[in-house]
Amino acid sequence: MQKIAQLFLPLYGLVLLFGGFKGYQEGSDESLYIGGGSGVATLLLTALSLKRPRLSLALASLIALVLTGVMGWRFEKTGKLVPPGLIATTSLLATGIEALGAWKATEGE
């Protein structure tokens, strides 16, 4: 499960980064800060996961959990599927994958 989580993490980071820039193009500075910042943090955690998988995957699952809550709330408030519903669903999936990866991770592998 650790390897799956490490493979999923950069994909999730790129989705967040792309979403942040796309939102910024639509006039949302908040999207750039939250989406872009989360994407960069997730990509940095991808690199860290090679040396410290348990720590980095746990931190990534925390980022995904926060985004699940925030974007889930925004989806409930606006009813828009894109972007809040899509990011909330993707983040929920990422929370599960990264948390399981952290739980099963062995340091140094």
Foldseek 3Di string as FASTA:
>chain_A
DLVVLLVVQLVLLVVLLVQLVVVVVVPDPVSVCLSNVLSVLSVVLSVVCQAFVLVSLQVNLVSLVVLLVVLVVVCVVPVDCPPSVVSNVVSVVSNVSSNVSNVPDDGPD
